[in-house]
Amino acid sequence: MKAVVWMGKHDMRVENMPDPVLLSPKDIIVQISSTAICGSDLHLYNGHVPTVKEYDIIGHEFMGEVVEVGAEVRQFKIGDRVIVPFPVACGGCFFCSFGMTSACDNTNPNAGQQEEMYSVPAAGIYGYGHMFGGYDGGQAEYARVPFADANAFKVPKGIPDEKLLFLTDAYPTGFQAADQAGIAREFTVAIWGGGPVGQFAAMSARLLGAKQIIMIDHVTARLDLAERLSGAERLDFEKDTEDSDVVEQIKMRTGGRGADVCIDAVGMEGLGHGAGAIVDHAKTILRMETDRPVAFRQAIMACRKMGVVSFPGVYAGLADKIPLGQAMNKGLRFATGQTSVHRYLPKLLDYILRGDIDPSEIISHQVPIDRAPEMYDLFNRRDGGCTKVVLKPGMTTAEMNQSANKNQVGGSHAANLL
């Protein structure tokens, strides 16, 4: 089968790899109809995630059709259409039984590696290196899904993939970021990072009743999208901060009080200006610091007293100069964690079926899987209006154009097939 494999920093390739096989009677094999490049995949692309090896198959946002079923699988049959949440859950441990599937005790066969880094193991993740279980990812024509009865989620036929695909990660991650912050009516929510997770956090904040949403980014296409989909105010951290910084801008827009909720959807590769950003960059090069927490620092400083800082953005290790004194004296609460996707799926699917949200609106590019390396580069540079890339295994550009014309998915992105 064709699959996207990691071969080193800034080196993704499409190679012929062995087809997956059933390794347990609880497995299923899925023929993948759609898969996506996630913002988290860029951390792999940029060389920030340890224990990734050459020829590892990448990708954790994927869906498709069941083509093989293990003898002990009870919930699925050949031909079922499924989405696959990015964390691998066993369904039976303490954490899974309470819906905290991203903390599963039983699905990371390399738990020792994760304990070395983070003191405790958590769930395995598809296509995210051996510290997270070494599972083959979903940017491929086929994928094995272990613990299938707990892991796969059956979805209706007749709804385009593009409306359902992001239920595997980006949409629940954005929703959890808003939900765990306790957003209430009349709240002001500031969001750092207008990538897919930031867009879904903004849409979710609006659904949960936020009155004012401020999107902080410097990419015009992302700010345009947030304004159109969520009614968000734009804060371009390069153009709008000539006379004030981001924190001062947010305080000015909130009568000096600060945002009720601040969401850091950027994570470890934050960009910024001034001495702090320069020091962060130098320290990461010298391996004195693993992350650049520019957005996290600003979120703490821009949040009102007794507010919440929610950070779905991925952090890998150590970060310096976090203003904990300010956080403590303000009485801030922090909310974070890998997303327990499984617990949110029924609710979020209902939002889609009711038409409250259309996840396909964030897609800017759909291409055959052969063009994945080019798309990684484009997405990493935030160039060409690239807000989200969907890969179509087994389809040519001509077939994709024909399908798009037939389905008329979304609004604008159907014309952006390459």
Protein backbone atom coordinates (compact mmCIF):
# COMPACT_ATOMS: atom_id res chain seq x y z
CA MET A 1 0.00 0.00 0.00
CA LYS A 2 0.99 3.66 -0.35
CA ALA A 3 1.74 5.44 2.91
CA VAL A 4 3.29 8.69 4.14
CA VAL A 5 6.46 7.91 6.07
CA TRP A 6 8.80 10.03 8.18
CA MET A 7 12.42 9.96 6.98
CA GLY A 8 13.85 12.83 9.00
CA LYS A 9 13.29 16.49 9.72
CA HIS A 10 11.43 18.12 6.81
CA ASP A 11 11.52 14.82 4.93
CA MET A 12 8.15 13.13 4.45
CA ARG A 13 7.86 10.63 1.62
CA VAL A 14 5.19 8.44 0.07
CA GLU A 15 6.44 4.86 -0.09
CA ASN A 16 5.06 1.41 -0.77
CA MET A 17 4.69 -0.26 2.63
CA PRO A 18 3.33 -3.67 3.70
CA ASP A 19 -0.43 -3.87 4.11
CA PRO A 20 -1.51 -4.10 7.77
CA VAL A 21 -2.73 -7.46 9.10
CA LEU A 22 -4.85 -8.49 12.07
CA LEU A 23 -2.55 -8.96 15.06
CA SER A 24 -5.31 -9.65 17.58
CA PRO A 25 -8.86 -11.02 17.35
CA LYS A 26 -9.97 -7.60 18.63
CA ASP A 27 -8.55 -5.76 15.59
CA ILE A 28 -10.18 -4.47 12.44
CA ILE A 29 -8.57 -3.29 9.19
CA VAL A 30 -9.90 -0.07 7.68
CA GLN A 31 -9.54 0.96 4.04
CA ILE A 32 -8.94 4.69 4.38
CA SER A 33 -11.11 7.03 2.35
CA SER A 34 -9.86 10.30 3.85
CA THR A 35 -7.01 11.34 6.11
CA ALA A 36 -5.61 14.72 7.11
CA ILE A 37 -2.43 16.50 8.05
CA CYS A 38 -2.80 17.73 11.61
CA GLY A 39 -1.01 20.69 13.13
CA SER A 40 0.51 18.19 15.59
CA ASP A 41 2.06 16.37 12.62
CA LEU A 42 4.10 19.49 11.95
CA HIS A 43 5.90 18.93 15.26
CA LEU A 44 7.09 15.63 13.77
CA TYR A 45 7.92 17.32 10.49
CA ASN A 46 10.01 19.95 12.30
CA GLY A 47 11.86 17.34 14.36
CA HIS A 48 10.45 18.18 17.80
CA VAL A 49 8.94 14.79 18.73
CA PRO A 50 11.41 12.16 19.97
CA THR A 51 11.43 8.41 19.15
CA VAL A 52 10.19 8.77 15.57
CA LYS A 53 12.09 6.41 13.26
CA GLU A 54 12.68 6.24 9.54
CA TYR A 55 9.80 4.60 7.65
CA ASP A 56 7.32 5.19 10.48
CA ILE A 57 3.85 5.70 8.96
CA ILE A 58 2.45 9.05 10.08
CA GLY A 59 -1.06 10.40 10.65
CA HIS A 60 -3.78 10.25 13.29
CA GLU A 61 -6.83 11.81 11.60
CA PHE A 62 -8.41 9.17 9.38
CA MET A 63 -11.63 7.38 8.48
CA GLY A 64 -12.83 4.76 6.03
CA GLU A 65 -14.54 1.41 5.56
CA VAL A 66 -14.04 -1.80 7.50
CA VAL A 67 -12.56 -4.49 5.24
CA GLU A 68 -11.39 -7.11 7.80
CA VAL A 69 -12.78 -8.02 11.21
CA GLY A 70 -11.13 -9.97 14.03
CA ALA A 71 -12.93 -12.97 15.52
CA GLU A 72 -13.70 -11.21 18.83
CA VAL A 73 -14.99 -7.93 17.37
CA ARG A 74 -18.68 -7.48 18.19
CA GLN A 75 -19.57 -3.94 17.15
CA PHE A 76 -18.43 -3.89 13.53
CA LYS A 77 -18.80 -5.82 10.30
CA ILE A 78 -17.24 -5.59 6.85
CA GLY A 79 -18.60 -2.56 5.02
CA ASP A 80 -19.21 -0.38 8.07
CA ARG A 81 -18.11 3.22 7.74
CA VAL A 82 -16.01 4.38 10.70
CA ILE A 83 -13.96 7.23 12.07
CA VAL A 84 -11.00 6.46 14.34
CA PRO A 85 -10.16 8.74 17.32
CA PHE A 86 -6.47 9.55 17.56
CA PRO A 87 -5.86 8.16 21.11
CA VAL A 88 -5.93 4.36 21.30
CA ALA A 89 -8.25 3.25 24.11
CA CYS A 90 -8.71 -0.22 25.59
CA GLY A 91 -12.23 0.51 26.83
CA GLY A 92 -11.80 -1.36 30.11
CA CYS A 93 -9.22 0.31 32.36
CA PHE A 94 -10.01 2.78 35.16
CA PHE A 95 -9.53 5.82 32.92
CA CYS A 96 -11.48 4.47 29.93
CA SER A 97 -14.38 3.49 32.21
CA PHE A 98 -14.73 7.16 33.21
CA GLY A 99 -14.40 8.49 29.66
CA MET A 100 -10.80 9.66 30.09
CA THR A 101 -9.63 7.64 27.09
CA SER A 102 -6.53 9.70 26.34
CA ALA A 103 -5.16 8.51 29.69
CA CYS A 104 -5.71 4.79 28.93
CA ASP A 105 -3.45 2.50 30.96
CA ASN A 106 -3.26 -0.40 28.52
CA THR A 107 -2.60 0.76 24.96
CA ASN A 108 0.99 2.00 25.04
CA PRO A 109 3.32 -1.00 24.70
CA ASN A 110 6.27 1.38 25.14
CA ALA A 111 5.01 2.89 28.39
CA GLY A 112 8.53 2.93 29.86
CA GLN A 113 9.70 5.45 27.26
CA GLN A 114 6.84 7.77 28.13
CA GLU A 115 7.39 7.36 31.87
CA GLU A 116 11.00 8.49 31.39
CA MET A 117 9.79 11.71 29.79
CA TYR A 118 6.51 12.44 31.60
CA SER A 119 6.64 10.22 34.74
CA VAL A 120 3.41 8.40 33.78
CA PRO A 121 2.27 6.65 30.60
CA ALA A 122 -0.88 7.56 28.71
CA ALA A 123 -2.75 6.18 25.72
CA GLY A 124 -1.00 5.22 22.52
CA ILE A 125 -1.43 7.54 19.54
CA TYR A 126 -1.48 6.52 15.89
CA GLY A 127 1.54 7.57 13.86
CA TYR A 128 3.24 9.65 16.55
CA GLY A 129 6.47 7.89 17.34
CA HIS A 130 7.44 4.97 19.53
CA MET A 131 7.14 6.84 22.83
CA PHE A 132 3.40 6.94 22.02
CA GLY A 133 3.16 3.24 21.22
CA GLY A 134 4.76 2.92 17.79
CA TYR A 135 1.40 2.43 16.05
CA ASP A 136 1.30 2.81 12.28
CA GLY A 137 -0.61 5.93 11.35
CA GLY A 138 -3.50 6.66 9.04
CA GLN A 139 -1.89 8.60 6.18
CA ALA A 140 -2.03 5.42 4.15
CA GLU A 141 -4.40 3.30 2.10
CA TYR A 142 -5.12 0.93 5.01
CA ALA A 143 -4.73 0.96 8.79
CA ARG A 144 -5.06 -1.53 11.63
CA VAL A 145 -7.33 -0.43 14.49
CA PRO A 146 -6.65 -2.32 17.75
CA PHE A 147 -9.34 -2.75 20.47
CA ALA A 148 -11.80 -1.96 17.70
CA ASP A 149 -14.99 -2.20 19.76
CA ALA A 150 -13.66 0.58 22.01
CA ASN A 151 -11.78 2.57 19.38
CA ALA A 152 -13.70 2.86 16.14
CA PHE A 153 -16.92 4.87 15.92
CA LYS A 154 -19.59 4.04 13.35
CA VAL A 155 -20.87 7.00 11.31
CA PRO A 156 -23.82 7.34 8.92
CA LYS A 157 -23.45 6.81 5.22
CA GLY A 158 -24.47 9.56 2.85
CA ILE A 159 -22.64 12.34 4.70
CA PRO A 160 -19.44 13.49 2.96
CA ASP A 161 -16.16 12.49 4.63
CA GLU A 162 -15.18 16.13 4.88
CA LYS A 163 -17.94 16.82 7.39
CA LEU A 164 -16.94 13.87 9.60
CA LEU A 165 -13.17 13.44 9.29
CA PHE A 166 -12.19 16.01 11.92
CA LEU A 167 -14.21 14.22 14.59
CA THR A 168 -11.06 12.08 14.90
CA ASP A 169 -9.04 14.91 16.49
CA ALA A 170 -9.19 18.60 15.54
CA TYR A 171 -12.89 19.20 16.24
CA PRO A 172 -13.04 17.41 19.64
CA THR A 173 -9.72 18.99 20.61
CA GLY A 174 -11.05 22.48 19.91
CA PHE A 175 -14.32 21.68 21.65
CA GLN A 176 -12.58 20.25 24.73
CA ALA A 177 -10.44 23.40 24.95
CA ALA A 178 -13.61 25.48 25.16
CA ASP A 179 -15.66 23.05 27.23
CA GLN A 180 -13.06 22.48 29.96
CA ALA A 181 -12.74 26.26 30.38
CA GLY A 182 -16.36 26.54 31.50
CA ILE A 183 -17.31 29.15 28.92
CA ALA A 184 -20.57 30.87 29.81
CA ARG A 185 -22.77 33.47 28.13
CA GLU A 186 -21.32 36.97 27.88
CA PHE A 187 -17.74 35.63 28.23
CA THR A 188 -14.82 37.03 26.28
CA VAL A 189 -12.57 34.32 24.87
CA ALA A 190 -9.09 35.02 23.47
CA ILE A 191 -7.57 32.32 21.27
CA TRP A 192 -3.92 32.12 20.26
CA GLY A 193 -3.47 30.28 16.95
CA GLY A 194 -5.95 30.20 14.07
CA GLY A 195 -5.05 26.72 12.86
CA PRO A 196 -7.68 23.96 12.76
CA VAL A 197 -7.84 23.48 16.55
CA GLY A 198 -8.05 27.23 17.14
CA GLN A 199 -10.84 27.52 14.56
CA PHE A 200 -12.82 24.72 16.20
CA ALA A 201 -12.21 26.25 19.64
CA ALA A 202 -13.64 29.53 18.33
CA MET A 203 -16.68 27.84 16.76
CA SER A 204 -17.25 25.85 19.95
CA ALA A 205 -16.90 28.93 22.14
CA ARG A 206 -19.58 30.62 20.06
CA LEU A 207 -21.87 27.56 20.40
CA LEU A 208 -21.33 27.59 24.17
CA GLY A 209 -22.42 31.21 24.41
CA ALA A 210 -19.29 33.39 24.25
CA LYS A 211 -20.13 37.00 23.44
CA GLN A 212 -16.69 38.18 22.27
CA ILE A 213 -14.01 36.05 20.59
CA ILE A 214 -10.56 37.44 19.79
CA MET A 215 -8.38 35.43 17.41
CA ILE A 216 -4.63 36.08 17.63
CA ASP A 217 -2.57 35.07 14.58
CA HIS A 218 -0.57 36.67 11.79
CA VAL A 219 -1.78 34.61 8.80
CA THR A 220 -4.44 36.51 6.86
CA ALA A 221 -6.27 33.38 5.66
CA ARG A 222 -6.66 32.14 9.23
CA LEU A 223 -7.89 35.46 10.54
CA ASP A 224 -10.34 35.69 7.62
CA LEU A 225 -11.64 32.20 8.42
CA ALA A 226 -12.13 32.94 12.12
CA GLU A 227 -13.99 36.13 11.30
CA ARG A 228 -16.26 34.34 8.81
CA LEU A 229 -16.98 31.15 10.76
CA SER A 230 -17.07 32.45 14.34
CA GLY A 231 -17.52 36.18 14.12
CA ALA A 232 -14.14 36.55 15.81
CA GLU A 233 -12.30 39.84 16.15
CA ARG A 234 -8.93 39.87 14.43
CA LEU A 235 -5.69 40.50 16.28
CA ASP A 236 -2.72 40.28 13.94
CA PHE A 237 0.24 40.04 16.30
CA GLU A 238 2.57 41.50 13.66
CA LYS A 239 0.43 44.38 12.30
CA ASP A 240 -1.80 45.34 15.23
CA THR A 241 0.86 45.66 17.92
CA GLU A 242 3.00 48.52 16.66
CA ASP A 243 2.04 50.72 19.61
CA SER A 244 1.15 47.95 22.10
CA ASP A 245 1.76 44.26 22.61
CA VAL A 246 -0.78 41.43 22.40
CA VAL A 247 -1.54 41.50 26.13
CA GLU A 248 -2.18 45.24 26.11
CA GLN A 249 -4.39 44.88 23.01
CA ILE A 250 -6.57 42.29 24.75
CA LYS A 251 -6.88 44.43 27.87
CA MET A 252 -7.82 47.43 25.72
CA ARG A 253 -10.56 45.38 24.05
CA THR A 254 -11.95 44.16 27.39
CA GLY A 255 -12.11 47.43 29.31
CA GLY A 256 -8.84 46.67 31.08
CA ARG A 257 -10.14 43.52 32.77
CA GLY A 258 -8.64 40.86 30.48
CA ALA A 259 -10.26 37.88 28.78
CA ASP A 260 -12.44 35.53 30.84
CA VAL A 261 -10.91 32.54 29.05
CA CYS A 262 -7.59 32.36 27.21
CA ILE A 263 -6.97 29.38 24.90
CA ASP A 264 -3.45 28.55 23.72
CA ALA A 265 -3.90 26.55 20.51
CA VAL A 266 -0.28 27.15 19.45
CA GLY A 267 1.89 25.04 21.72
CA MET A 268 5.59 24.39 21.58
CA GLU A 269 6.47 26.25 18.37
CA GLY A 270 5.13 29.68 19.27
CA LEU A 271 6.32 32.74 17.37
CA GLY A 272 6.87 36.14 18.92
CA HIS A 273 8.87 39.35 18.99
CA GLY A 274 11.45 40.88 21.26
CA ALA A 275 14.10 39.57 23.61
CA GLY A 276 11.99 36.77 25.07
CA ALA A 277 11.34 35.18 21.69
CA ILE A 278 15.00 35.46 20.73
CA VAL A 279 16.08 33.79 23.98
CA ASP A 280 13.53 30.98 23.48
CA HIS A 281 14.78 30.35 19.97
CA ALA A 282 18.41 30.27 21.06
CA LYS A 283 17.68 27.95 23.98
CA THR A 284 15.82 25.44 21.82
CA ILE A 285 18.75 25.36 19.38
CA LEU A 286 21.15 24.75 22.28
CA ARG A 287 18.81 22.10 23.77
CA MET A 288 18.49 24.15 26.96
CA GLU A 289 14.73 24.35 26.42
CA THR A 290 12.43 22.11 24.38
CA ASP A 291 9.46 24.45 23.84
CA ARG A 292 8.81 28.08 22.92
CA PRO A 293 5.89 29.03 25.20
CA VAL A 294 5.23 32.50 23.78
CA ALA A 295 1.46 32.01 23.53
CA PHE A 296 1.18 30.38 26.96
CA ARG A 297 2.98 33.27 28.67
CA GLN A 298 0.77 35.82 26.91
CA ALA A 299 -2.37 33.85 27.79
CA ILE A 300 -1.50 33.96 31.49
CA MET A 301 -0.81 37.69 31.37
CA ALA A 302 -3.94 38.52 29.32
CA CYS A 303 -6.38 36.47 31.40
CA ARG A 304 -8.57 38.25 33.93
CA LYS A 305 -8.48 37.54 37.65
CA MET A 306 -10.07 34.15 38.49
CA GLY A 307 -10.10 33.28 34.77
CA VAL A 308 -9.14 30.08 32.97
CA VAL A 309 -6.17 29.34 30.71
CA SER A 310 -6.94 26.30 28.55
CA PHE A 311 -4.12 24.94 26.43
CA PRO A 312 -4.77 22.24 23.83
CA GLY A 313 -1.56 23.26 22.05
CA VAL A 314 1.01 20.46 22.28
CA TYR A 315 3.97 20.93 24.60
CA ALA A 316 6.75 18.35 24.61
CA GLY A 317 8.94 19.02 27.59
CA LEU A 318 10.54 21.98 29.34
CA ALA A 319 9.78 25.69 29.00
CA ASP A 320 11.26 28.71 30.78
CA LYS A 321 10.03 31.96 32.30
CA ILE A 322 6.40 30.95 32.86
CA PRO A 323 4.83 33.75 34.98
CA LEU A 324 3.52 31.46 37.72
CA GLY A 325 3.54 34.26 40.27
CA GLN A 326 1.07 36.18 38.15
CA ALA A 327 -1.06 33.06 37.66
CA MET A 328 -1.16 32.34 41.39
CA ASN A 329 -1.94 35.88 42.47
CA LYS A 330 -4.66 36.21 39.84
CA GLY A 331 -6.18 32.91 40.95
CA LEU A 332 -6.06 31.43 37.46
CA ARG A 333 -7.11 27.90 36.71
CA PHE A 334 -5.34 25.78 34.09
CA ALA A 335 -7.04 23.17 31.91
CA THR A 336 -5.12 20.99 29.47
CA GLY A 337 -4.47 17.43 28.26
CA GLN A 338 -4.62 15.19 25.25
CA THR A 339 -8.24 15.01 24.12
CA SER A 340 -10.46 12.15 25.25
CA VAL A 341 -12.07 12.12 21.81
CA HIS A 342 -14.38 9.16 22.42
CA ARG A 343 -16.46 10.89 25.11
CA TYR A 344 -17.36 13.83 22.87
CA LEU A 345 -18.26 12.00 19.65
CA PRO A 346 -22.04 11.54 20.11
CA LYS A 347 -22.55 15.21 21.06
CA LEU A 348 -20.33 16.59 18.30
CA LEU A 349 -21.86 14.34 15.65
CA ASP A 350 -25.27 15.70 16.68
CA TYR A 351 -24.01 19.26 16.16
CA ILE A 352 -22.97 18.29 12.62
CA LEU A 353 -26.22 16.46 11.81
CA ARG A 354 -28.27 19.42 13.06
CA GLY A 355 -26.25 21.83 10.96
CA ASP A 356 -24.94 23.78 13.97
CA ILE A 357 -21.40 23.38 12.70
CA ASP A 358 -19.85 22.35 9.38
CA PRO A 359 -16.26 21.14 9.96
CA SER A 360 -15.60 20.97 6.23
CA GLU A 361 -15.46 24.77 6.12
CA ILE A 362 -11.88 24.81 7.40
CA ILE A 363 -10.54 22.74 4.47
CA SER A 364 -8.42 24.65 1.99
CA HIS A 365 -6.77 21.81 0.05
CA GLN A 366 -7.69 18.26 -0.96
CA VAL A 367 -5.10 16.23 -2.85
CA PRO A 368 -4.17 12.62 -3.66
CA ILE A 369 -1.90 11.06 -1.06
CA ASP A 370 1.02 11.16 -3.53
CA ARG A 371 1.25 14.91 -2.95
CA ALA A 372 1.59 14.68 0.83
CA PRO A 373 5.26 15.83 0.97
CA GLU A 374 4.42 19.00 -0.95
CA MET A 375 1.43 19.64 1.31
CA TYR A 376 3.50 19.23 4.48
CA ASP A 377 5.81 21.97 3.24
CA LEU A 378 2.91 24.24 2.27
CA PHE A 379 1.06 23.72 5.56
CA ASN A 380 4.22 24.24 7.59
CA ARG A 381 4.84 27.58 5.85
CA ARG A 382 1.16 28.63 6.28
CA ASP A 383 1.41 29.57 2.63
CA GLY A 384 -1.09 29.70 -0.21
CA GLY A 385 -4.08 30.16 2.09
CA CYS A 386 -3.42 26.69 3.48
CA THR A 387 -5.64 26.16 6.55
CA LYS A 388 -6.25 22.39 6.43
CA VAL A 389 -5.13 19.61 4.08
CA VAL A 390 -7.13 16.45 3.37
CA LEU A 391 -5.41 13.54 1.63
CA LYS A 392 -7.37 11.04 -0.45
CA PRO A 393 -5.69 7.61 -0.66
CA GLY A 394 -6.50 5.68 -3.80
CA MET A 395 -7.90 8.66 -5.71
CA THR A 396 -6.48 10.71 -8.56
CA THR A 397 -6.96 14.46 -8.95
CA ALA A 398 -9.48 13.88 -11.76
CA GLU A 399 -11.52 11.49 -9.59
CA MET A 400 -11.43 13.96 -6.71
CA ASN A 401 -12.66 16.81 -8.91
CA GLN A 402 -15.50 14.65 -10.20
CA SER A 403 -16.48 13.67 -6.66
CA ALA A 404 -16.35 17.26 -5.43
CA ASN A 405 -18.55 18.47 -8.28
CA LYS A 406 -21.06 15.72 -7.48
CA ASN A 407 -21.18 16.29 -3.72
CA GLN A 408 -20.64 20.08 -3.56
CA VAL A 409 -19.20 19.71 -0.07
CA GLY A 410 -18.79 22.82 2.06
CA GLY A 411 -18.70 26.09 0.23
CA SER A 412 -15.37 27.38 -0.94
CA HIS A 413 -12.98 24.48 -0.60
CA ALA A 414 -14.50 22.27 -3.30
CA ALA A 415 -12.81 24.53 -5.83
CA ASN A 416 -9.42 24.23 -4.18
CA LEU A 417 -8.62 20.69 -5.22
CA LEU A 418 -5.09 20.58 -6.59
